[in-house]
C-alpha atoms as a PDB file:
ATOM      1  CA  MET A   1       0.000   0.000   0.000  1.00  0.00           C
ATOM      2  CA  ILE A   2       1.243   3.486  -0.858  1.00  0.00           C
ATOM      3  CA  THR A   3       1.553   5.599   2.276  1.00  0.00           C
ATOM      4  CA  HIS A   4       2.764   8.896   0.833  1.00  0.00           C
ATOM      5  CA  ILE A   5       4.014  10.595  -2.302  1.00  0.00           C
ATOM      6  CA  ARG A   6       6.103  13.689  -2.880  1.00  0.00           C
ATOM      7  CA  MET A   7       7.290  15.509  -5.975  1.00  0.00           C
ATOM      8  CA  ARG A   8       9.597  18.408  -6.637  1.00  0.00           C
ATOM      9  CA  ASN A   9       9.680  20.335  -9.918  1.00  0.00           C
ATOM     10  CA  PHE A  10       6.905  18.233 -11.439  1.00  0.00           C
ATOM     11  CA  LYS A  11       4.532  20.243 -13.616  1.00  0.00           C
ATOM     12  CA  SER A  12       2.785  22.862 -11.426  1.00  0.00           C
ATOM     13  CA  TRP A  13       4.466  21.614  -8.237  1.00  0.00           C
ATOM     14  CA  GLU A  14       7.736  23.192  -7.171  1.00  0.00           C
ATOM     15  CA  ASP A  15       7.409  21.069  -4.030  1.00  0.00           C
ATOM     16  CA  SER A  16       4.218  19.212  -3.139  1.00  0.00           C
ATOM     17  CA  GLY A  17       5.431  18.381   0.349  1.00  0.00           C
ATOM     18  CA  GLU A  18       4.698  14.920   1.722  1.00  0.00           C
ATOM     19  CA  VAL A  19       1.168  13.971   0.642  1.00  0.00           C
ATOM     20  CA  THR A  20      -0.194  11.262   2.941  1.00  0.00           C
ATOM     21  CA  LEU A  21      -2.388   8.620   1.293  1.00  0.00           C
ATOM     22  CA  ALA A  22      -4.990   6.392   2.944  1.00  0.00           C
ATOM     23  CA  PRO A  23      -7.124   3.510   1.611  1.00  0.00           C
ATOM     24  CA  LEU A  24      -9.547   6.220   0.457  1.00  0.00           C
ATOM     25  CA  THR A  25      -8.088   9.639  -0.358  1.00  0.00           C
ATOM     26  CA  GLY A  26      -9.773  12.612  -2.014  1.00  0.00           C
ATOM     27  CA  PHE A  27      -8.049  15.634  -3.551  1.00  0.00           C
ATOM     28  CA  PHE A  28      -9.982  18.898  -3.595  1.00  0.00           C
ATOM     29  CA  GLY A  29      -8.963  22.237  -5.038  1.00  0.00           C
ATOM     30  CA  THR A  30      -9.549  24.845  -7.694  1.00  0.00           C
ATOM     31  CA  ASN A  31      -8.807  24.321 -11.361  1.00  0.00           C
ATOM     32  CA  SER A  32      -5.070  24.124 -12.151  1.00  0.00           C
ATOM     33  CA  SER A  33      -4.214  23.633  -8.470  1.00  0.00           C
ATOM     34  CA  GLY A  34      -2.199  20.468  -9.172  1.00  0.00           C
ATOM     35  CA  LYS A  35      -4.695  17.713  -8.313  1.00  0.00           C
ATOM     36  CA  SER A  36      -4.232  15.882 -11.609  1.00  0.00           C
ATOM     37  CA  SER A  37      -0.451  16.078 -11.319  1.00  0.00           C
ATOM     38  CA  LEU A  38      -0.551  14.013  -8.113  1.00  0.00           C
ATOM     39  CA  LEU A  39      -2.303  11.192  -9.963  1.00  0.00           C
ATOM     40  CA  GLN A  40      -0.169  11.594 -13.078  1.00  0.00           C
ATOM     41  CA  MET A  41       2.967  11.124 -11.000  1.00  0.00           C
ATOM     42  CA  LEU A  42       1.745   7.685  -9.861  1.00  0.00           C
ATOM     43  CA  LEU A  43       0.739   6.710 -13.396  1.00  0.00           C
ATOM     44  CA  LEU A  44       4.109   7.909 -14.700  1.00  0.00           C
ATOM     45  CA  LEU A  45       5.877   5.546 -12.299  1.00  0.00           C
ATOM     46  CA  LYS A  46       3.467   2.709 -13.108  1.00  0.00           C
ATOM     47  CA  GLN A  47       4.042   2.900 -16.856  1.00  0.00           C
ATOM     48  CA  THR A  48       7.800   3.193 -16.298  1.00  0.00           C
ATOM     49  CA  VAL A  49       7.771   0.005 -14.195  1.00  0.00           C
ATOM     50  CA  GLU A  50       5.776  -1.806 -16.889  1.00  0.00           C
ATOM     51  CA  HIS A  51       7.762  -0.437 -19.841  1.00  0.00           C
ATOM     52  CA  SER A  52       9.789  -3.064 -21.700  1.00  0.00           C
ATOM     53  CA  ASP A  53      12.816  -0.808 -22.322  1.00  0.00           C
ATOM     54  CA  SER A  54      14.770  -1.178 -19.080  1.00  0.00           C
ATOM     55  CA  ALA A  55      17.466   1.191 -20.347  1.00  0.00           C
ATOM     56  CA  GLU A  56      15.009   4.091 -20.351  1.00  0.00           C
ATOM     57  CA  VAL A  57      15.226   5.969 -17.042  1.00  0.00           C
ATOM     58  CA  ILE A  58      11.620   7.148 -17.106  1.00  0.00           C
ATOM     59  CA  PHE A  59       8.877   6.475 -19.639  1.00  0.00           C
ATOM     60  CA  PHE A  60       6.770   9.542 -20.380  1.00  0.00           C
ATOM     61  CA  GLY A  61       4.230   7.515 -22.354  1.00  0.00           C
ATOM     62  CA  ASP A  62       2.810   6.871 -25.794  1.00  0.00           C
ATOM     63  CA  GLU A  63      -0.651   6.435 -27.316  1.00  0.00           C
ATOM     64  CA  ASN A  64      -1.200   3.223 -25.315  1.00  0.00           C
ATOM     65  CA  SER A  65      -0.119   4.597 -21.921  1.00  0.00           C
ATOM     66  CA  PRO A  66      -2.279   5.857 -19.040  1.00  0.00           C
ATOM     67  CA  VAL A  67      -0.620   9.282 -19.395  1.00  0.00           C
ATOM     68  CA  THR A  68       1.366  10.874 -22.216  1.00  0.00           C
ATOM     69  CA  LEU A  69       3.593  13.629 -20.859  1.00  0.00           C
ATOM     70  CA  GLY A  70       6.044  14.170 -23.711  1.00  0.00           C
ATOM     71  CA  ASN A  71       9.522  14.551 -22.256  1.00  0.00           C
ATOM     72  CA  LEU A  72      11.368  15.913 -19.241  1.00  0.00           C
ATOM     73  CA  ARG A  73      11.379  19.473 -20.560  1.00  0.00           C
ATOM     74  CA  GLU A  74       7.594  19.417 -20.788  1.00  0.00           C
ATOM     75  CA  VAL A  75       6.989  18.184 -17.239  1.00  0.00           C
ATOM     76  CA  ILE A  76       9.733  20.045 -15.363  1.00  0.00           C
ATOM     77  CA  HIS A  77       8.377  22.898 -13.242  1.00  0.00           C
ATOM     78  CA  GLY A  78       8.585  26.220 -15.055  1.00  0.00           C
ATOM     79  CA  HIS A  79      10.267  24.445 -18.019  1.00  0.00           C
ATOM     80  CA  ASP A  80      13.562  25.003 -16.214  1.00  0.00           C
ATOM     81  CA  VAL A  81      15.875  22.514 -17.945  1.00  0.00           C
ATOM     82  CA  GLU A  82      18.514  23.042 -15.244  1.00  0.00           C
ATOM     83  CA  ALA A  83      16.136  21.894 -12.496  1.00  0.00           C
ATOM     84  CA  THR A  84      16.051  18.375 -11.073  1.00  0.00           C
ATOM     85  CA  LEU A  85      12.877  16.298 -11.134  1.00  0.00           C
ATOM     86  CA  GLU A  86      12.443  14.493  -7.803  1.00  0.00           C
ATOM     87  CA  LEU A  87       9.830  11.785  -7.230  1.00  0.00           C
ATOM     88  CA  GLU A  88       9.254   9.979  -3.926  1.00  0.00           C
ATOM     89  CA  VAL A  89       6.936   7.121  -2.965  1.00  0.00           C
ATOM     90  CA  GLY A  90       6.516   5.533   0.462  1.00  0.00           C
ATOM     91  CA  CYS A  91       4.844   2.159   0.890  1.00  0.00           C
ATOM     92  CA  ARG A  92       4.186  -0.804   3.141  1.00  0.00           C
ATOM     93  CA  THR A  93       5.153  -4.150   1.618  1.00  0.00           C
ATOM     94  CA  GLN A  94       2.955  -7.252   1.413  1.00  0.00           C
ATOM     95  CA  THR A  95       5.798  -9.451   2.646  1.00  0.00           C
ATOM     96  CA  SER A  96       8.641  -8.497   4.956  1.00  0.00           C
ATOM     97  CA  LEU A  97      12.346  -9.332   4.891  1.00  0.00           C
ATOM     98  CA  ILE A  98      14.383  -9.637   8.082  1.00  0.00           C
ATOM     99  CA  ILE A  99      18.015  -8.594   7.766  1.00  0.00           C
ATOM    100  CA  GLU A 100      20.728  -8.082  10.370  1.00  0.00           C
ATOM    101  CA  VAL A 101      22.525  -4.770  10.343  1.00  0.00           C
ATOM    102  CA  GLY A 102      25.257  -3.223  12.419  1.00  0.00           C
ATOM    103  CA  GLU A 103      26.645   0.291  12.562  1.00  0.00           C
ATOM    104  CA  LEU A 104      30.288   0.796  11.663  1.00  0.00           C
ATOM    105  CA  ASN A 105      32.186   3.594  13.413  1.00  0.00           C
ATOM    106  CA  ASN A 106      35.952   4.083  13.174  1.00  0.00           C
ATOM    107  CA  TYR A 107      36.290   0.708  11.404  1.00  0.00           C
ATOM    108  CA  ALA A 108      34.664  -1.193  14.293  1.00  0.00           C
ATOM    109  CA  HIS A 109      31.049  -2.262  14.566  1.00  0.00           C
ATOM    110  CA  SER A 110      28.867  -2.517  17.650  1.00  0.00           C
ATOM    111  CA  GLY A 111      27.185  -5.843  16.842  1.00  0.00           C
ATOM    112  CA  PHE A 112      24.284  -6.825  14.650  1.00  0.00           C
ATOM    113  CA  SER A 113      20.571  -6.469  15.326  1.00  0.00           C
ATOM    114  CA  PRO A 114      17.588  -7.729  13.289  1.00  0.00           C
ATOM    115  CA  LEU A 115      15.613  -5.275  11.188  1.00  0.00           C
ATOM    116  CA  ASP A 116      12.212  -6.169   9.746  1.00  0.00           C
ATOM    117  CA  VAL A 117      11.977  -4.440   6.370  1.00  0.00           C
ATOM    118  CA  ASP A 118       8.201  -4.122   5.944  1.00  0.00           C
ATOM    119  CA  SER A 119       8.093  -0.580   4.608  1.00  0.00           C
ATOM    120  CA  PHE A 120      10.332   1.668   2.582  1.00  0.00           C
ATOM    121  CA  THR A 121      10.536   4.950   0.721  1.00  0.00           C
ATOM    122  CA  PHE A 122      11.898   5.130  -2.810  1.00  0.00           C
ATOM    123  CA  SER A 123      13.235   8.435  -4.078  1.00  0.00           C
ATOM    124  CA  ALA A 124      14.698   9.340  -7.454  1.00  0.00           C
ATOM    125  CA  ALA A 125      16.214  12.526  -8.851  1.00  0.00           C
ATOM    126  CA  ILE A 126      16.298  12.900 -12.631  1.00  0.00           C
ATOM    127  CA  GLN A 127      18.023  15.498 -14.784  1.00  0.00           C
ATOM    128  CA  GLU A 128      18.467  16.118 -18.480  1.00  0.00           C
ATOM    129  CA  ARG A 129      21.958  15.912 -19.915  1.00  0.00           C
ATOM    130  CA  ASN A 130      22.757  15.940 -23.621  1.00  0.00           C
ATOM    131  CA  GLU A 131      19.004  15.751 -24.306  1.00  0.00           C
ATOM    132  CA  GLN A 132      18.712  12.511 -22.333  1.00  0.00           C
ATOM    133  CA  SER A 133      17.072  11.826 -18.976  1.00  0.00           C
ATOM    134  CA  ILE A 134      19.541  10.371 -16.477  1.00  0.00           C
ATOM    135  CA  PHE A 135      19.465   9.380 -12.813  1.00  0.00           C
ATOM    136  CA  GLU A 136      21.251  11.983 -10.756  1.00  0.00           C
ATOM    137  CA  ASP A 137      20.365  10.121  -7.593  1.00  0.00           C
ATOM    138  CA  ALA A 138      18.236   7.156  -6.489  1.00  0.00           C
ATOM    139  CA  TYR A 139      17.861   5.518  -3.096  1.00  0.00           C
ATOM    140  CA  TYR A 140      15.693   3.492  -0.737  1.00  0.00           C
ATOM    141  CA  ILE A 141      15.070   4.416   2.883  1.00  0.00           C
ATOM    142  CA  PHE A 142      13.695   1.625   5.024  1.00  0.00           C
ATOM    143  CA  GLY A 143      13.052   0.640   8.618  1.00  0.00           C
ATOM    144  CA  PRO A 144      10.442   1.348  11.299  1.00  0.00           C
ATOM    145  CA  HIS A 145       9.535   4.979  11.750  1.00  0.00           C
ATOM    146  CA  ASN A 146      10.391   4.856  15.453  1.00  0.00           C
ATOM    147  CA  GLU A 147      13.987   3.794  14.775  1.00  0.00           C
ATOM    148  CA  TRP A 148      16.796   5.444  12.866  1.00  0.00           C
ATOM    149  CA  LYS A 149      16.245   4.751   9.212  1.00  0.00           C
ATOM    150  CA  LYS A 150      18.600   2.889   6.935  1.00  0.00           C
ATOM    151  CA  GLU A 151      19.345   4.236   3.507  1.00  0.00           C
ATOM    152  CA  TRP A 152      20.737   2.443   0.457  1.00  0.00           C
ATOM    153  CA  LYS A 153      22.410   4.624  -2.082  1.00  0.00           C
ATOM    154  CA  TYR A 154      24.490   3.514  -5.048  1.00  0.00           C
ATOM    155  CA  SER A 155      26.781   0.692  -3.848  1.00  0.00           C
ATOM    156  CA  GLY A 156      26.429   0.714  -0.076  1.00  0.00           C
ATOM    157  CA  LEU A 157      24.278   1.292   2.956  1.00  0.00           C
ATOM    158  CA  VAL A 158      24.620   4.506   4.905  1.00  0.00           C
ATOM    159  CA  SER A 159      22.774   6.101   7.765  1.00  0.00           C
ATOM    160  CA  PRO A 160      21.266   9.472   6.809  1.00  0.00           C
ATOM    161  CA  SER A 161      22.554  10.965  10.047  1.00  0.00           C
ATOM    162  CA  ARG A 162      25.010  13.845  10.147  1.00  0.00           C
ATOM    163  CA  ASP A 163      28.088  11.676  10.605  1.00  0.00           C
ATOM    164  CA  GLN A 164      27.047   9.464   7.658  1.00  0.00           C
ATOM    165  CA  SER A 165      28.355   6.385   9.486  1.00  0.00           C
ATOM    166  CA  ASN A 166      28.485   3.205   7.420  1.00  0.00           C
ATOM    167  CA  VAL A 167      26.126   0.301   7.961  1.00  0.00           C
ATOM    168  CA  LEU A 168      27.134  -3.353   7.682  1.00  0.00           C
ATOM    169  CA  LEU A 169      24.930  -6.144   6.420  1.00  0.00           C
ATOM    170  CA  LYS A 170      25.601  -9.416   8.236  1.00  0.00           C
ATOM    171  CA  GLY A 171      26.966 -12.055   5.875  1.00  0.00           C
ATOM    172  CA  ASP A 172      28.627  -9.587   3.514  1.00  0.00           C
ATOM    173  CA  TYR A 173      32.173  -9.688   4.892  1.00  0.00           C
ATOM    174  CA  ASP A 174      33.607 -11.093   1.664  1.00  0.00           C
ATOM    175  CA  GLY A 175      32.686  -7.909  -0.150  1.00  0.00           C
ATOM    176  CA  SER A 176      30.648  -9.738  -2.766  1.00  0.00           C
ATOM    177  CA  GLY A 177      27.619  -7.575  -2.132  1.00  0.00           C
ATOM    178  CA  GLN A 178      25.311 -10.594  -2.264  1.00  0.00           C
ATOM    179  CA  ARG A 179      23.345  -9.595   0.835  1.00  0.00           C
ATOM    180  CA  ILE A 180      22.878  -6.103  -0.530  1.00  0.00           C
ATOM    181  CA  GLU A 181      21.801  -7.610  -3.852  1.00  0.00           C
ATOM    182  CA  ASP A 182      19.224  -9.805  -2.069  1.00  0.00           C
ATOM    183  CA  LEU A 183      17.890  -6.781  -0.220  1.00  0.00           C
ATOM    184  CA  LEU A 184      17.629  -4.715  -3.395  1.00  0.00           C
ATOM    185  CA  LYS A 185      15.847  -7.549  -5.200  1.00  0.00           C
ATOM    186  CA  HIS A 186      13.302  -7.633  -2.371  1.00  0.00           C
ATOM    187  CA  LEU A 187      12.771  -3.879  -2.502  1.00  0.00           C
ATOM    188  CA  SER A 188      12.601  -3.787  -6.309  1.00  0.00           C
ATOM    189  CA  SER A 189      10.151  -6.685  -6.399  1.00  0.00           C
ATOM    190  CA  SER A 190       7.963  -4.994  -3.778  1.00  0.00           C
ATOM    191  CA  PHE A 191       8.082  -1.740  -5.749  1.00  0.00           C
ATOM    192  CA  GLU A 192       7.051  -3.462  -8.997  1.00  0.00           C
ATOM    193  CA  ASN A 193       4.305  -5.434  -7.245  1.00  0.00           C
ATOM    194  CA  LEU A 194       2.993  -2.202  -5.753  1.00  0.00           C
ATOM    195  CA  PHE A 195       2.474  -0.634  -9.169  1.00  0.00           C
ATOM    196  CA  ASP A 196       1.114  -3.857 -10.662  1.00  0.00           C
ATOM    197  CA  HIS A 197      -1.894  -3.264  -8.392  1.00  0.00           C
ATOM    198  CA  ILE A 198      -2.490   0.358  -9.382  1.00  0.00           C
ATOM    199  CA  TYR A 199      -5.276   0.900 -11.890  1.00  0.00           C
ATOM    200  CA  SER A 200      -6.383   4.066 -13.622  1.00  0.00           C
ATOM    201  CA  LEU A 201     -10.093   4.810 -13.955  1.00  0.00           C
ATOM    202  CA  GLY A 202     -10.240   8.027 -15.938  1.00  0.00           C
ATOM    203  CA  PRO A 203     -13.331  10.222 -16.374  1.00  0.00           C
ATOM    204  CA  THR A 204     -13.791   9.093 -19.984  1.00  0.00           C
ATOM    205  CA  ARG A 205     -15.922   5.986 -20.553  1.00  0.00           C
ATOM    206  CA  VAL A 206     -16.797   4.012 -23.658  1.00  0.00           C
ATOM    207  CA  GLN A 207     -20.316   4.576 -24.940  1.00  0.00           C
ATOM    208  CA  PRO A 208     -22.917   1.969 -23.887  1.00  0.00           C
ATOM    209  CA  LYS A 209     -24.323  -0.482 -26.445  1.00  0.00           C
ATOM    210  CA  ARG A 210     -27.788  -1.961 -26.760  1.00  0.00           C
ATOM    211  CA  SER A 211     -26.412  -5.482 -26.401  1.00  0.00           C
ATOM    212  CA  TYR A 212     -23.086  -7.202 -25.734  1.00  0.00           C
ATOM    213  CA  HIS A 213     -21.580 -10.433 -27.028  1.00  0.00           C
ATOM    214  CA  TRP A 214     -19.575 -12.643 -24.669  1.00  0.00           C
ATOM    215  CA  ASN A 215     -16.690 -14.243 -26.552  1.00  0.00           C
ATOM    216  CA  ASP A 216     -15.274 -16.233 -23.645  1.00  0.00           C
ATOM    217  CA  LYS A 217     -12.896 -13.457 -22.581  1.00  0.00           C
ATOM    218  CA  ASP A 218     -11.534 -13.435 -19.044  1.00  0.00           C
ATOM    219  CA  PRO A 219     -10.024  -9.928 -18.633  1.00  0.00           C
ATOM    220  CA  ALA A 220      -7.415  -9.238 -15.967  1.00  0.00           C
ATOM    221  CA  ASP A 221      -8.808  -5.739 -15.291  1.00  0.00           C
ATOM    222  CA  VAL A 222     -11.511  -3.342 -16.483  1.00  0.00           C
ATOM    223  CA  GLY A 223      -9.273  -1.547 -18.999  1.00  0.00           C
ATOM    224  CA  LEU A 224      -7.941   2.002 -19.031  1.00  0.00           C
ATOM    225  CA  TRP A 225     -11.288   3.475 -20.053  1.00  0.00           C
ATOM    226  CA  GLY A 226     -13.615   0.878 -18.578  1.00  0.00           C
ATOM    227  CA  ASP A 227     -13.792  -0.857 -21.958  1.00  0.00           C
ATOM    228  CA  LYS A 228     -13.476  -4.325 -20.404  1.00  0.00           C
ATOM    229  CA  VAL A 229     -16.111  -3.897 -17.684  1.00  0.00           C
ATOM    230  CA  ILE A 230     -18.845  -5.736 -19.571  1.00  0.00           C
ATOM    231  CA  ASP A 231     -16.462  -8.572 -20.474  1.00  0.00           C
ATOM    232  CA  ALA A 232     -15.582  -8.910 -16.778  1.00  0.00           C
ATOM    233  CA  LEU A 233     -19.251  -8.891 -15.721  1.00  0.00           C
ATOM    234  CA  LEU A 234     -20.268 -11.398 -18.386  1.00  0.00           C
ATOM    235  CA  CYS A 235     -17.362 -13.647 -17.419  1.00  0.00           C
ATOM    236  CA  ALA A 236     -18.430 -13.535 -13.751  1.00  0.00           C
ATOM    237  CA  HIS A 237     -22.053 -14.200 -14.777  1.00  0.00           C
ATOM    238  CA  MET A 238     -21.232 -17.173 -17.011  1.00  0.00           C
ATOM    239  CA  ARG A 239     -18.827 -18.708 -14.500  1.00  0.00           C
ATOM    240  CA  ARG A 240     -21.274 -18.089 -11.622  1.00  0.00           C
ATOM    241  CA  VAL A 241     -18.689 -16.191  -9.598  1.00  0.00           C
ATOM    242  CA  LYS A 242     -19.785 -15.460  -6.013  1.00  0.00           C
ATOM    243  CA  ILE A 243     -18.672 -12.610  -3.774  1.00  0.00           C
ATOM    244  CA  SER A 244     -18.538 -13.210  -0.036  1.00  0.00           C
ATOM    245  CA  LYS A 245     -19.537 -10.514   2.450  1.00  0.00           C
ATOM    246  CA  LYS A 246     -19.841 -11.159   6.182  1.00  0.00           C
ATOM    247  CA  GLY A 247     -20.016 -14.883   5.545  1.00  0.00           C
ATOM    248  CA  GLU A 248     -22.789 -14.608   2.947  1.00  0.00           C
ATOM    249  CA  GLU A 249     -22.226 -15.351  -0.722  1.00  0.00           C
ATOM    250  CA  ALA A 250     -24.013 -13.580  -3.558  1.00  0.00           C
ATOM    251  CA  THR A 251     -23.637 -13.229  -7.308  1.00  0.00           C
ATOM    252  CA  ILE A 252     -21.798 -10.253  -8.768  1.00  0.00           C
ATOM    253  CA  GLU A 253     -25.142  -8.931 -10.068  1.00  0.00           C
ATOM    254  CA  ASP A 254     -26.701  -9.027  -6.597  1.00  0.00           C
ATOM    255  CA  ARG A 255     -23.679  -7.259  -5.112  1.00  0.00           C
ATOM    256  CA  ILE A 256     -23.764  -4.555  -7.788  1.00  0.00           C
ATOM    257  CA  SER A 257     -27.483  -4.071  -7.132  1.00  0.00           C
ATOM    258  CA  GLU A 258     -26.720  -3.707  -3.428  1.00  0.00           C
ATOM    259  CA  TRP A 259     -24.002  -1.119  -4.099  1.00  0.00           C
ATOM    260  CA  LEU A 260     -26.290   0.841  -6.440  1.00  0.00           C
ATOM    261  CA  ARG A 261     -28.960   0.966  -3.729  1.00  0.00           C
ATOM    262  CA  GLU A 262     -26.430   2.091  -1.115  1.00  0.00           C
ATOM    263  CA  LEU A 263     -25.369   4.924  -3.436  1.00  0.00           C
ATOM    264  CA  ASP A 264     -29.034   5.713  -4.186  1.00  0.00           C
ATOM    265  CA  LEU A 265     -28.340   5.411  -7.924  1.00  0.00           C
ATOM    266  CA  ALA A 266     -30.617   2.534  -8.901  1.00  0.00           C
ATOM    267  CA  TYR A 267     -32.543  -0.397  -7.464  1.00  0.00           C
ATOM    268  CA  SER A 268     -31.209  -3.393  -9.369  1.00  0.00           C
ATOM    269  CA  PHE A 269     -28.744  -4.514 -12.015  1.00  0.00           C
ATOM    270  CA  SER A 270     -29.005  -7.610 -14.181  1.00  0.00           C
ATOM    271  CA  LEU A 271     -27.592  -9.316 -17.265  1.00  0.00           C
ATOM    272  CA  LYS A 272     -30.233 -10.871 -19.494  1.00  0.00           C
ATOM    273  CA  PRO A 273     -29.703 -13.047 -22.589  1.00  0.00           C
ATOM    274  CA  VAL A 274     -30.940 -11.720 -25.923  1.00  0.00           C
ATOM    275  CA  GLY A 275     -32.094 -14.241 -28.534  1.00  0.00           C
ATOM    276  CA  ALA A 276     -30.859 -17.832 -28.450  1.00  0.00           C
ATOM    277  CA  LEU A 277     -28.650 -18.759 -25.494  1.00  0.00           C
ATOM    278  CA  LYS A 278     -26.071 -20.298 -27.808  1.00  0.00           C
ATOM    279  CA  ASP A 279     -25.452 -16.874 -29.376  1.00  0.00           C
ATOM    280  CA  ASP A 280     -24.104 -15.505 -26.052  1.00  0.00           C
ATOM    281  CA  ASN A 281     -25.674 -12.065 -26.562  1.00  0.00           C
ATOM    282  CA  TYR A 282     -26.725 -10.122 -23.470  1.00  0.00           C
ATOM    283  CA  GLU A 283     -28.400  -6.914 -22.354  1.00  0.00           C
ATOM    284  CA  VAL A 284     -27.416  -4.924 -19.282  1.00  0.00           C
ATOM    285  CA  ARG A 285     -30.607  -3.890 -17.504  1.00  0.00           C
ATOM    286  CA  ILE A 286     -31.030  -1.291 -14.773  1.00  0.00           C
ATOM    287  CA  GLN A 287     -34.146  -0.890 -12.632  1.00  0.00           C
ATOM    288  CA  LYS A 288     -34.334   2.659 -11.325  1.00  0.00           C
ATOM    289  CA  SER A 289     -36.633   1.937  -8.357  1.00  0.00           C
ATOM    290  CA  ALA A 290     -38.499  -0.991  -6.841  1.00  0.00           C
ATOM    291  CA  THR A 291     -41.694   0.009  -8.664  1.00  0.00           C
ATOM    292  CA  SER A 292     -40.207   1.137 -11.987  1.00  0.00           C
ATOM    293  CA  PRO A 293     -40.020  -1.159 -15.027  1.00  0.00           C
ATOM    294  CA  VAL A 294     -36.716  -2.840 -15.803  1.00  0.00           C
ATOM    295  CA  GLY A 295     -35.042  -0.795 -18.560  1.00  0.00           C
END
């Protein structure tokens, strides 16, 4: 789960400050106050994680991306090409990794202690050089908030305290860096998994049709513009998928009807076959109230 985001020199934001996120978060403000930029920053990171070109530092998008932002010059605050774009994301991981760390002062360490890495903050600073986007800086900060935080930067671990004392990872005495590599794999995997579970539901929707044909599709999501919603509903209907709530199971249609009533939008929702069953053609029907006809 994402716990906070922060951006510097991104579009209208010179510095957003740390924006705390909860399971349900709403952004309110006047036009051009930067609300959309907060969401675009997350989508920018998502499409970069999913982009096939690993050599590209950041992927600003194409016609198939959630957002298309052009290039660094177009997103940098004030179009200042000398400025540094800084993006930060904090999260809690689904699985934790226990490592043993010890602080190194004056070439002697004070013993190792276990650290449960169940949350971290990723931060990246990007600049343009020779018309290319490059990493100026990138690091992870991890550890419980009530303890001093550990920071990985470039090829080693350091404490972000004033004395910048080194941190040892137990089992890395041979200098191979394997323990650090294991840690980074865990953090990178958690970061990628985080953005695998981010979905964009934009304000634009595909136009409704009079009827829909189910062609045995089993979509992984509802699509960028909601274009796969009907496929998902038909798949759940045909496979008799049940949703459990407080120990009670109900069909997806019954649950949607319940949600529509809670939102005071409609009374019921149903999928009805049109013509011969073998043709797999269906209508989506909405009943506005308990006494109104099914439309």
